[in-house]
């Protein structure tokens, strides 16, 4: 790439303003880029999988009779 040196006169206040605007814009761009990079990092983290819920046995029937006499049932 070729470059050409150019010299010109410009008022100081105008040059200062130009530099100020450029620096502010670049700072804003850097902050935006940082936010985007943070979002990308946050989204690219591996997901942590939890163990699936274990299956449980069927609940005990509410109608269960504690006074049931097993010996009576199997008597001949």
PDB file of N, CA and C in Angstrom:
ATOM      1  N   UNK A   1       0.854  -1.172   0.000  1.00  0.00           N
ATOM      2  CA  UNK A   1       0.000   0.000   0.000  1.00  0.00           C
ATOM      3  C   UNK A   1       0.898   1.232   0.000  1.00  0.00           C
ATOM      4  N   UNK A   2       0.584   2.150  -0.819  1.00  0.00           N
ATOM      5  CA  UNK A   2       1.384   3.369  -0.900  1.00  0.00           C
ATOM      6  C   UNK A   2       0.723   4.475  -0.110  1.00  0.00           C
ATOM      7  N   UNK A   3       1.562   5.340   0.444  1.00  0.00           N
ATOM      8  CA  UNK A   3       1.073   6.470   1.220  1.00  0.00           C
ATOM      9  C   UNK A   3       1.597   7.759   0.616  1.00  0.00           C
ATOM     10  N   UNK A   4       0.836   8.799   0.789  1.00  0.00           N
ATOM     11  CA  UNK A   4       1.249  10.121   0.322  1.00  0.00           C
ATOM     12  C   UNK A   4       1.169  11.070   1.504  1.00  0.00           C
ATOM     13  N   UNK A   5       2.282  11.715   1.795  1.00  0.00           N
ATOM     14  CA  UNK A   5       2.310  12.693   2.870  1.00  0.00           C
ATOM     15  C   UNK A   5       1.669  13.985   2.381  1.00  0.00           C
ATOM     16  N   UNK A   6       0.759  14.511   3.213  1.00  0.00           N
ATOM     17  CA  UNK A   6       0.096  15.768   2.858  1.00  0.00           C
ATOM     18  C   UNK A   6       0.211  16.715   4.044  1.00  0.00           C
ATOM     19  N   UNK A   7       0.524  17.917   3.799  1.00  0.00           N
ATOM     20  CA  UNK A   7       0.596  18.953   4.825  1.00  0.00           C
ATOM     21  C   UNK A   7      -0.446  20.016   4.530  1.00  0.00           C
ATOM     22  N   UNK A   8      -1.115  20.440   5.562  1.00  0.00           N
ATOM     23  CA  UNK A   8      -2.077  21.523   5.380  1.00  0.00           C
ATOM     24  C   UNK A   8      -2.266  22.225   6.708  1.00  0.00           C
ATOM     25  N   UNK A   9      -2.753  23.398   6.651  1.00  0.00           N
ATOM     26  CA  UNK A   9      -3.020  24.181   7.854  1.00  0.00           C
ATOM     27  C   UNK A   9      -4.478  23.991   8.265  1.00  0.00           C
ATOM     28  N   UNK A  10      -4.642  23.879   9.564  1.00  0.00           N
ATOM     29  CA  UNK A  10      -5.989  23.733  10.100  1.00  0.00           C
ATOM     30  C   UNK A  10      -6.026  24.475  11.432  1.00  0.00           C
ATOM     31  N   UNK A  11      -7.120  25.152  11.748  1.00  0.00           N
ATOM     32  CA  UNK A  11      -7.193  25.844  13.038  1.00  0.00           C
ATOM     33  C   UNK A  11      -7.127  24.837  14.190  1.00  0.00           C
ATOM     34  N   UNK A  12      -6.484  25.220  15.243  1.00  0.00           N
ATOM     35  CA  UNK A  12      -6.273  24.342  16.394  1.00  0.00           C
ATOM     36  C   UNK A  12      -7.596  23.847  16.985  1.00  0.00           C
ATOM     37  N   UNK A  13      -8.558  24.764  17.153  1.00  0.00           N
ATOM     38  CA  UNK A  13      -9.832  24.351  17.751  1.00  0.00           C
ATOM     39  C   UNK A  13     -10.522  23.282  16.904  1.00  0.00           C
ATOM     40  N   UNK A  14     -10.387  23.389  15.581  1.00  0.00           N
ATOM     41  CA  UNK A  14     -11.012  22.420  14.693  1.00  0.00           C
ATOM     42  C   UNK A  14     -10.315  21.058  14.790  1.00  0.00           C
ATOM     43  N   UNK A  15      -8.997  21.110  14.839  1.00  0.00           N
ATOM     44  CA  UNK A  15      -8.237  19.868  14.992  1.00  0.00           C
ATOM     45  C   UNK A  15      -8.565  19.197  16.328  1.00  0.00           C
ATOM     46  N   UNK A  16      -8.640  20.002  17.383  1.00  0.00           N
ATOM     47  CA  UNK A  16      -8.982  19.448  18.702  1.00  0.00           C
ATOM     48  C   UNK A  16     -10.374  18.806  18.698  1.00  0.00           C
ATOM     49  N   UNK A  17     -11.288  19.492  18.039  1.00  0.00           N
ATOM     50  CA  UNK A  17     -12.656  18.960  17.972  1.00  0.00           C
ATOM     51  C   UNK A  17     -12.678  17.659  17.189  1.00  0.00           C
ATOM     52  N   UNK A  18     -11.973  17.619  16.094  1.00  0.00           N
ATOM     53  CA  UNK A  18     -11.901  16.411  15.283  1.00  0.00           C
ATOM     54  C   UNK A  18     -11.325  15.240  16.095  1.00  0.00           C
ATOM     55  N   UNK A  19     -10.242  15.493  16.810  1.00  0.00           N
ATOM     56  CA  UNK A  19      -9.632  14.447  17.634  1.00  0.00           C
ATOM     57  C   UNK A  19     -10.575  14.010  18.772  1.00  0.00           C
ATOM     58  N   UNK A  20     -11.234  14.976  19.356  1.00  0.00           N
ATOM     59  CA  UNK A  20     -12.167  14.674  20.441  1.00  0.00           C
ATOM     60  C   UNK A  20     -13.318  13.780  19.938  1.00  0.00           C
ATOM     61  N   UNK A  21     -13.903  14.152  18.813  1.00  0.00           N
ATOM     62  CA  UNK A  21     -14.997  13.349  18.251  1.00  0.00           C
ATOM     63  C   UNK A  21     -14.526  11.937  17.891  1.00  0.00           C
ATOM     64  N   UNK A  22     -13.351  11.867  17.323  1.00  0.00           N
ATOM     65  CA  UNK A  22     -12.811  10.563  16.948  1.00  0.00           C
ATOM     66  C   UNK A  22     -12.599   9.684  18.187  1.00  0.00           C
ATOM     67  N   UNK A  23     -11.988  10.242  19.203  1.00  0.00           N
ATOM     68  CA  UNK A  23     -11.724   9.483  20.439  1.00  0.00           C
ATOM     69  C   UNK A  23     -13.022   9.044  21.110  1.00  0.00           C
ATOM     70  N   UNK A  24     -14.009   9.928  21.160  1.00  0.00           N
ATOM     71  CA  UNK A  24     -15.300   9.558  21.772  1.00  0.00           C
ATOM     72  C   UNK A  24     -15.985   8.433  20.999  1.00  0.00           C
ATOM     73  N   UNK A  25     -15.934   8.537  19.687  1.00  0.00           N
ATOM     74  CA  UNK A  25     -16.567   7.503  18.864  1.00  0.00           C
ATOM     75  C   UNK A  25     -15.854   6.163  19.024  1.00  0.00           C
ATOM     76  N   UNK A  26     -14.545   6.198  19.048  1.00  0.00           N
ATOM     77  CA  UNK A  26     -13.793   4.957  19.209  1.00  0.00           C
ATOM     78  C   UNK A  26     -14.020   4.346  20.593  1.00  0.00           C
ATOM     79  N   UNK A  27     -14.106   5.169  21.595  1.00  0.00           N
ATOM     80  CA  UNK A  27     -14.388   4.669  22.942  1.00  0.00           C
ATOM     81  C   UNK A  27     -15.760   3.997  22.979  1.00  0.00           C
ATOM     82  N   UNK A  28     -16.736   4.624  22.361  1.00  0.00           N
ATOM     83  CA  UNK A  28     -18.080   4.043  22.294  1.00  0.00           C
ATOM     84  C   UNK A  28     -18.040   2.705  21.557  1.00  0.00           C
ATOM     85  N   UNK A  29     -17.310   2.658  20.457  1.00  0.00           N
ATOM     86  CA  UNK A  29     -17.185   1.405  19.700  1.00  0.00           C
ATOM     87  C   UNK A  29     -16.525   0.307  20.536  1.00  0.00           C
ATOM     88  N   UNK A  30     -15.496   0.667  21.287  1.00  0.00           N
ATOM     89  CA  UNK A  30     -14.829  -0.308  22.145  1.00  0.00           C
ATOM     90  C   UNK A  30     -15.765  -0.829  23.230  1.00  0.00           C
ATOM     91  N   UNK A  31     -16.551   0.049  23.822  1.00  0.00           N
ATOM     92  CA  UNK A  31     -17.502  -0.364  24.854  1.00  0.00           C
ATOM     93  C   UNK A  31     -18.570  -1.279  24.271  1.00  0.00           C
ATOM     94  N   UNK A  32     -19.057  -0.925  23.081  1.00  0.00           N
ATOM     95  CA  UNK A  32     -20.057  -1.770  22.423  1.00  0.00           C
ATOM     96  C   UNK A  32     -19.477  -3.147  22.103  1.00  0.00           C
ATOM     97  N   UNK A  33     -18.246  -3.155  21.623  1.00  0.00           N
ATOM     98  CA  UNK A  33     -17.583  -4.412  21.305  1.00  0.00           C
ATOM     99  C   UNK A  33     -17.410  -5.256  22.561  1.00  0.00           C
ATOM    100  N   UNK A  34     -17.055  -4.612  23.648  1.00  0.00           N
ATOM    101  CA  UNK A  34     -16.884  -5.327  24.919  1.00  0.00           C
ATOM    102  C   UNK A  34     -18.209  -5.946  25.356  1.00  0.00           C
ATOM    103  N   UNK A  35     -19.297  -5.196  25.223  1.00  0.00           N
ATOM    104  CA  UNK A  35     -20.619  -5.721  25.589  1.00  0.00           C
ATOM    105  C   UNK A  35     -20.989  -6.916  24.723  1.00  0.00           C
ATOM    106  N   UNK A  36     -20.703  -6.805  23.445  1.00  0.00           N
ATOM    107  CA  UNK A  36     -21.014  -7.896  22.527  1.00  0.00           C
ATOM    108  C   UNK A  36     -20.178  -9.126  22.875  1.00  0.00           C
ATOM    109  N   UNK A  37     -18.901  -8.912  23.159  1.00  0.00           N
ATOM    110  CA  UNK A  37     -18.033 -10.036  23.523  1.00  0.00           C
ATOM    111  C   UNK A  37     -18.506 -10.691  24.819  1.00  0.00           C
ATOM    112  N   UNK A  38     -18.942  -9.885  25.775  1.00  0.00           N
ATOM    113  CA  UNK A  38     -19.459 -10.441  27.032  1.00  0.00           C
ATOM    114  C   UNK A  38     -20.712 -11.277  26.783  1.00  0.00           C
ATOM    115  N   UNK A  39     -21.584 -10.780  25.902  1.00  0.00           N
ATOM    116  CA  UNK A  39     -22.788 -11.542  25.567  1.00  0.00           C
ATOM    117  C   UNK A  39     -22.440 -12.869  24.896  1.00  0.00           C
ATOM    118  N   UNK A  40     -21.473 -12.815  24.013  1.00  0.00           N
ATOM    119  CA  UNK A  40     -21.053 -14.030  23.313  1.00  0.00           C
ATOM    120  C   UNK A  40     -20.458 -15.017  24.313  1.00  0.00           C
ATOM    121  N   UNK A  41     -19.627 -14.544  25.214  1.00  0.00           N
ATOM    122  CA  UNK A  41     -19.034 -15.428  26.221  1.00  0.00           C
ATOM    123  C   UNK A  41     -20.119 -16.055  27.084  1.00  0.00           C
ATOM    124  N   UNK A  42     -21.080 -15.239  27.469  1.00  0.00           N
ATOM    125  CA  UNK A  42     -22.145 -15.725  28.330  1.00  0.00           C
ATOM    126  C   UNK A  42     -22.965 -16.802  27.614  1.00  0.00           C
ATOM    127  N   UNK A  43     -23.213 -16.620  26.328  1.00  0.00           N
ATOM    128  CA  UNK A  43     -24.016 -17.572  25.583  1.00  0.00           C
ATOM    129  C   UNK A  43     -23.232 -18.820  25.195  1.00  0.00           C
ATOM    130  N   UNK A  44     -21.923 -18.718  25.144  1.00  0.00           N
ATOM    131  CA  UNK A  44     -21.136 -19.859  24.698  1.00  0.00           C
ATOM    132  C   UNK A  44     -20.640 -20.731  25.843  1.00  0.00           C
ATOM    133  N   UNK A  45     -21.031 -20.424  27.080  1.00  0.00           N
ATOM    134  CA  UNK A  45     -20.664 -21.287  28.201  1.00  0.00           C
ATOM    135  C   UNK A  45     -21.377 -22.617  28.052  1.00  0.00           C
ATOM    136  N   UNK A  46     -20.693 -23.707  28.428  1.00  0.00           N
ATOM    137  CA  UNK A  46     -21.373 -24.999  28.324  1.00  0.00           C
ATOM    138  C   UNK A  46     -22.529 -25.076  29.318  1.00  0.00           C
ATOM    139  N   UNK A  47     -23.557 -25.748  28.894  1.00  0.00           N
ATOM    140  CA  UNK A  47     -24.713 -25.908  29.761  1.00  0.00           C
ATOM    141  C   UNK A  47     -24.428 -26.968  30.807  1.00  0.00           C
ATOM    142  N   UNK A  48     -24.910 -26.732  31.995  1.00  0.00           N
ATOM    143  CA  UNK A  48     -24.747 -27.702  33.070  1.00  0.00           C
ATOM    144  C   UNK A  48     -26.056 -28.479  33.166  1.00  0.00           C
ATOM    145  N   UNK A  49     -25.971 -29.759  32.892  1.00  0.00           N
ATOM    146  CA  UNK A  49     -27.160 -30.582  32.932  1.00  0.00           C
ATOM    147  C   UNK A  49     -27.334 -31.156  34.330  1.00  0.00           C
ATOM    148  N   UNK A  50     -28.538 -31.122  34.804  1.00  0.00           N
ATOM    149  CA  UNK A  50     -28.831 -31.720  36.101  1.00  0.00           C
ATOM    150  C   UNK A  50     -29.307 -33.148  35.884  1.00  0.00           C
ATOM    151  N   UNK A  51     -29.182 -33.944  36.922  1.00  0.00           N
ATOM    152  CA  UNK A  51     -29.638 -35.320  36.831  1.00  0.00           C
ATOM    153  C   UNK A  51     -31.154 -35.337  36.692  1.00  0.00           C
ATOM    154  N   UNK A  52     -31.666 -36.253  35.909  1.00  0.00           N
ATOM    155  CA  UNK A  52     -33.128 -36.324  35.803  1.00  0.00           C
ATOM    156  C   UNK A  52     -33.739 -36.773  37.130  1.00  0.00           C
ATOM    157  N   UNK A  53     -34.950 -36.399  37.334  1.00  0.00           N
ATOM    158  CA  UNK A  53     -35.647 -36.779  38.561  1.00  0.00           C
ATOM    159  C   UNK A  53     -35.871 -38.284  38.545  1.00  0.00           C
ATOM    160  N   UNK A  54     -35.564 -38.922  39.664  1.00  0.00           N
ATOM    161  CA  UNK A  54     -35.725 -40.365  39.736  1.00  0.00           C
ATOM    162  C   UNK A  54     -37.200 -40.732  39.825  1.00  0.00           C
ATOM    163  N   UNK A  55     -37.487 -41.876  39.264  1.00  0.00           N
ATOM    164  CA  UNK A  55     -38.861 -42.370  39.321  1.00  0.00           C
ATOM    165  C   UNK A  55     -39.144 -42.867  40.737  1.00  0.00           C
ATOM    166  N   UNK A  56     -40.318 -42.615  41.195  1.00  0.00           N
ATOM    167  CA  UNK A  56     -40.716 -43.062  42.521  1.00  0.00           C
ATOM    168  C   UNK A  56     -41.727 -44.196  42.396  1.00  0.00           C
ATOM    169  N   UNK A  57     -41.797 -45.026  43.441  1.00  0.00           N
ATOM    170  CA  UNK A  57     -42.787 -46.096  43.469  1.00  0.00           C
ATOM    171  C   UNK A  57     -44.177 -45.503  43.579  1.00  0.00           C
ATOM    172  N   UNK A  58     -45.133 -46.326  43.261  1.00  0.00           N
ATOM    173  CA  UNK A  58     -46.523 -45.891  43.383  1.00  0.00           C
ATOM    174  C   UNK A  58     -46.831 -45.595  44.854  1.00  0.00           C
ATOM    175  N   UNK A  59     -47.646 -44.600  45.105  1.00  0.00           N
ATOM    176  CA  UNK A  59     -47.974 -44.288  46.495  1.00  0.00           C
ATOM    177  C   UNK A  59     -48.820 -45.399  47.123  1.00  0.00           C
ATOM    178  N   UNK A  60     -48.689 -45.499  48.417  1.00  0.00           N
ATOM    179  CA  UNK A  60     -49.454 -46.496  49.155  1.00  0.00           C
ATOM    180  C   UNK A  60     -50.920 -46.094  49.107  1.00  0.00           C
ATOM    181  N   UNK A  61     -51.757 -47.077  48.938  1.00  0.00           N
ATOM    182  CA  UNK A  61     -53.185 -46.814  48.850  1.00  0.00           C
ATOM    183  C   UNK A  61     -53.701 -46.243  50.166  1.00  0.00           C
ATOM    184  N   UNK A  62     -54.571 -45.290  50.055  1.00  0.00           N
ATOM    185  CA  UNK A  62     -55.167 -44.680  51.237  1.00  0.00           C
ATOM    186  C   UNK A  62     -56.093 -45.675  51.935  1.00  0.00           C
ATOM    187  N   UNK A  63     -56.599 -46.594  51.180  1.00  0.00           N
ATOM    188  CA  UNK A  63     -57.565 -47.549  51.728  1.00  0.00           C
ATOM    189  C   UNK A  63     -56.902 -48.761  52.383  1.00  0.00           C
ATOM    190  N   UNK A  64     -55.618 -48.723  52.569  1.00  0.00           N
ATOM    191  CA  UNK A  64     -54.902 -49.831  53.183  1.00  0.00           C
ATOM    192  C   UNK A  64     -55.404 -50.030  54.614  1.00  0.00           C
ATOM    193  N   UNK A  65     -55.735 -51.265  54.934  1.00  0.00           N
ATOM    194  CA  UNK A  65     -56.296 -51.590  56.248  1.00  0.00           C
ATOM    195  C   UNK A  65     -55.218 -52.208  57.114  1.00  0.00           C
ATOM    196  N   UNK A  66     -54.796 -51.519  58.173  1.00  0.00           N
ATOM    197  CA  UNK A  66     -53.752 -52.018  59.073  1.00  0.00           C
ATOM    198  C   UNK A  66     -54.227 -53.190  59.921  1.00  0.00           C
ATOM    199  N   UNK A  67     -55.496 -53.336  60.056  1.00  0.00           N
ATOM    200  CA  UNK A  67     -56.010 -54.375  60.939  1.00  0.00           C
ATOM    201  C   UNK A  67     -56.349 -55.642  60.176  1.00  0.00           C
ATOM    202  N   UNK A  68     -55.802 -55.758  59.029  1.00  0.00           N
ATOM    203  CA  UNK A  68     -56.065 -56.929  58.215  1.00  0.00           C
ATOM    204  C   UNK A  68     -55.333 -58.112  58.821  1.00  0.00           C
ATOM    205  N   UNK A  69     -56.015 -59.213  59.002  1.00  0.00           N
ATOM    206  CA  UNK A  69     -55.423 -60.396  59.615  1.00  0.00           C
ATOM    207  C   UNK A  69     -54.993 -61.363  58.516  1.00  0.00           C
ATOM    208  N   UNK A  70     -53.709 -61.440  58.285  1.00  0.00           N
ATOM    209  CA  UNK A  70     -53.172 -62.279  57.225  1.00  0.00           C
ATOM    210  C   UNK A  70     -53.390 -63.768  57.534  1.00  0.00           C
ATOM    211  N   UNK A  71     -53.285 -64.121  58.753  1.00  0.00           N
ATOM    212  CA  UNK A  71     -53.456 -65.532  59.098  1.00  0.00           C
ATOM    213  C   UNK A  71     -54.898 -65.992  58.811  1.00  0.00           C
ATOM    214  N   UNK A  72     -55.841 -65.144  59.072  1.00  0.00           N
ATOM    215  CA  UNK A  72     -57.247 -65.485  58.788  1.00  0.00           C
ATOM    216  C   UNK A  72     -57.441 -65.682  57.289  1.00  0.00           C
ATOM    217  N   UNK A  73     -56.774 -64.888  56.535  1.00  0.00           N
ATOM    218  CA  UNK A  73     -56.953 -64.955  55.091  1.00  0.00           C
ATOM    219  C   UNK A  73     -56.435 -66.268  54.511  1.00  0.00           C
ATOM    220  N   UNK A  74     -55.340 -66.771  55.054  1.00  0.00           N
ATOM    221  CA  UNK A  74     -54.727 -67.969  54.478  1.00  0.00           C
ATOM    222  C   UNK A  74     -55.089 -69.259  55.225  1.00  0.00           C
ATOM    223  N   UNK A  75     -56.010 -69.172  56.143  1.00  0.00           N
ATOM    224  CA  UNK A  75     -56.462 -70.347  56.870  1.00  0.00           C
ATOM    225  C   UNK A  75     -57.229 -71.296  55.944  1.00  0.00           C
ATOM    226  N   UNK A  76     -57.030 -72.568  56.164  1.00  0.00           N
ATOM    227  CA  UNK A  76     -57.748 -73.521  55.320  1.00  0.00           C
ATOM    228  C   UNK A  76     -59.047 -73.913  55.962  1.00  0.00           C
TER     229      UNK A  76
END
